[in-house]
Amino acid sequence: MSSRTPLTSTSTTTLWRPTGPRELALVEAADRRAWPPRLPDQPIFYPVLNEDYAIRIARDWNVPASGVGYVTRFEVDTAFLARYPVQQAGGRTILELWVPADELPEFNRHIVGRIEVVHEFRPRS
């Protein structure tokens, strides 16, 4: 007779984050499983819900600021995300989650899988 362990299924939500090279280096140092702590002047960590919005930020803000912009994609446990209401930061497709900096370690524990780079932008020549 064999005993079976019930399988559990976790629903995830795909999030994106535009980032520059410094933050990406810290993500890579964490084996692409966590976001680094916020700096003192960064009270909020804001992943975005729309890939196009993340592309615009990486291309239009990160490239001029640091010479390269990346768009990352990652999955987070959907039930955990329910504590963060969706914030509309402009037009109807400019949607973000606002995660207080002191909650980022717990947020990181709910990332499922690895953070992956899906786009890279550099200055146009």
Protein backbone atom coordinates (compact mmCIF):
# COMPACT_ATOMS: atom_id res chain seq x y z
CA MET A 1 0.00 0.00 0.00
CA SER A 2 1.41 3.40 -0.92
CA SER A 3 0.69 6.64 0.79
CA ARG A 4 0.24 9.76 -1.24
CA THR A 5 0.87 13.33 -0.28
CA PRO A 6 -1.78 15.66 -1.65
CA LEU A 7 -0.42 18.07 -4.22
CA THR A 8 -0.87 21.74 -3.51
CA SER A 9 -1.16 24.27 -6.25
CA THR A 10 -0.17 27.87 -5.86
CA SER A 11 -1.65 30.44 -8.18
CA THR A 12 0.84 33.08 -9.23
CA THR A 13 0.65 36.54 -10.72
CA THR A 14 3.20 37.77 -13.24
CA LEU A 15 4.83 41.08 -12.35
CA TRP A 16 7.43 43.18 -14.15
CA ARG A 17 10.04 45.57 -12.84
CA PRO A 18 12.10 48.02 -14.84
CA THR A 19 15.58 48.25 -13.39
CA GLY A 20 19.07 49.53 -13.97
CA PRO A 21 22.41 47.73 -13.80
CA ARG A 22 23.09 48.32 -10.09
CA GLU A 23 19.81 46.84 -8.90
CA LEU A 24 20.09 43.98 -11.38
CA ALA A 25 23.57 43.12 -10.06
CA LEU A 26 22.08 42.83 -6.56
CA VAL A 27 19.27 40.61 -7.86
CA GLU A 28 21.87 38.39 -9.54
CA ALA A 29 23.84 38.23 -6.28
CA ALA A 30 20.66 36.88 -4.66
CA ASP A 31 20.50 34.09 -7.28
CA ARG A 32 17.67 36.00 -9.01
CA ARG A 33 15.30 35.08 -6.19
CA ALA A 34 14.95 38.39 -4.33
CA TRP A 35 14.91 42.14 -4.69
CA PRO A 36 17.47 44.10 -2.70
CA PRO A 37 16.50 46.27 0.27
CA ARG A 38 15.35 49.77 -0.61
CA LEU A 39 17.65 52.71 -0.07
CA PRO A 40 16.69 55.18 2.69
CA ASP A 41 15.12 57.54 0.13
CA GLN A 42 13.07 54.68 -1.42
CA PRO A 43 10.19 53.92 0.95
CA ILE A 44 8.26 51.91 -1.66
CA PHE A 45 9.12 48.98 -3.93
CA TYR A 46 6.87 49.12 -6.94
CA PRO A 47 6.56 46.24 -9.36
CA VAL A 48 4.27 46.91 -12.30
CA LEU A 49 1.42 44.87 -13.74
CA ASN A 50 1.93 45.71 -17.39
CA GLU A 51 4.92 44.74 -19.51
CA ASP A 52 4.50 47.72 -21.85
CA TYR A 53 4.65 50.13 -18.91
CA ALA A 54 7.83 48.43 -17.65
CA ILE A 55 9.36 48.74 -21.12
CA ARG A 56 8.63 52.47 -21.25
CA ILE A 57 10.27 53.06 -17.87
CA ALA A 58 13.35 50.93 -18.65
CA ARG A 59 13.82 52.52 -22.08
CA ASP A 60 12.90 56.12 -21.29
CA TRP A 61 14.15 56.52 -17.69
CA ASN A 62 16.73 53.83 -16.89
CA VAL A 63 18.73 54.20 -20.11
CA PRO A 64 19.32 57.98 -19.71
CA ALA A 65 19.99 57.56 -15.97
CA SER A 66 22.42 54.63 -16.10
CA GLY A 67 23.21 53.78 -19.72
CA VAL A 68 21.15 50.59 -19.79
CA GLY A 69 17.63 49.60 -18.80
CA TYR A 70 16.27 46.14 -18.13
CA VAL A 71 12.77 44.75 -17.83
CA THR A 72 12.47 41.82 -15.46
CA ARG A 73 9.58 39.39 -15.10
CA PHE A 74 8.77 37.31 -12.05
CA GLU A 75 5.95 35.38 -10.42
CA VAL A 76 4.51 36.03 -6.97
CA ASP A 77 1.95 34.05 -4.98
CA THR A 78 -1.41 35.60 -5.90
CA ALA A 79 -2.99 35.13 -2.48
CA PHE A 80 -0.12 37.04 -0.86
CA LEU A 81 -0.46 39.93 -3.33
CA ALA A 82 -4.07 40.53 -2.28
CA ARG A 83 -2.76 42.74 0.56
CA TYR A 84 -1.49 45.30 -1.98
CA PRO A 85 -4.24 47.13 -3.84
CA VAL A 86 -3.47 47.93 -7.46
CA GLN A 87 -2.45 51.57 -7.83
CA GLN A 88 -3.21 53.46 -11.03
CA ALA A 89 -0.21 55.77 -11.47
CA GLY A 90 -1.41 57.56 -14.58
CA GLY A 91 -3.33 56.19 -17.54
CA ARG A 92 -5.52 53.13 -17.24
CA THR A 93 -2.65 50.77 -18.17
CA ILE A 94 -0.13 52.34 -15.77
CA LEU A 95 -0.68 49.94 -12.89
CA GLU A 96 1.64 49.27 -9.97
CA LEU A 97 1.73 47.59 -6.60
CA TRP A 98 3.16 49.68 -3.78
CA VAL A 99 5.07 47.46 -1.37
CA PRO A 100 6.40 49.29 1.71
CA ALA A 101 10.18 48.89 1.99
CA ASP A 102 9.92 47.17 5.37
CA GLU A 103 7.66 44.48 3.82
CA LEU A 104 10.08 43.66 0.98
CA PRO A 105 11.73 40.68 2.75
CA GLU A 106 8.32 39.03 3.15
CA PHE A 107 7.40 39.94 -0.44
CA ASN A 108 10.63 38.25 -1.58
CA ARG A 109 9.68 35.05 0.27
CA HIS A 110 6.55 34.85 -1.92
CA ILE A 111 8.40 35.05 -5.24
CA VAL A 112 7.92 31.77 -7.08
CA GLY A 113 10.89 30.78 -9.24
CA ARG A 114 13.52 33.22 -10.45
CA ILE A 115 13.50 36.82 -11.58
CA GLU A 116 14.33 36.86 -15.28
CA VAL A 117 15.46 39.60 -17.63
CA VAL A 118 13.12 39.75 -20.62
CA HIS A 119 14.24 43.02 -22.30
CA GLU A 120 17.42 45.10 -22.40
CA PHE A 121 17.66 48.66 -23.72
CA ARG A 122 20.73 50.72 -24.52
CA PRO A 123 21.19 54.18 -26.02
CA ARG A 124 20.40 54.41 -29.69
CA SER A 125 23.39 55.31 -31.81
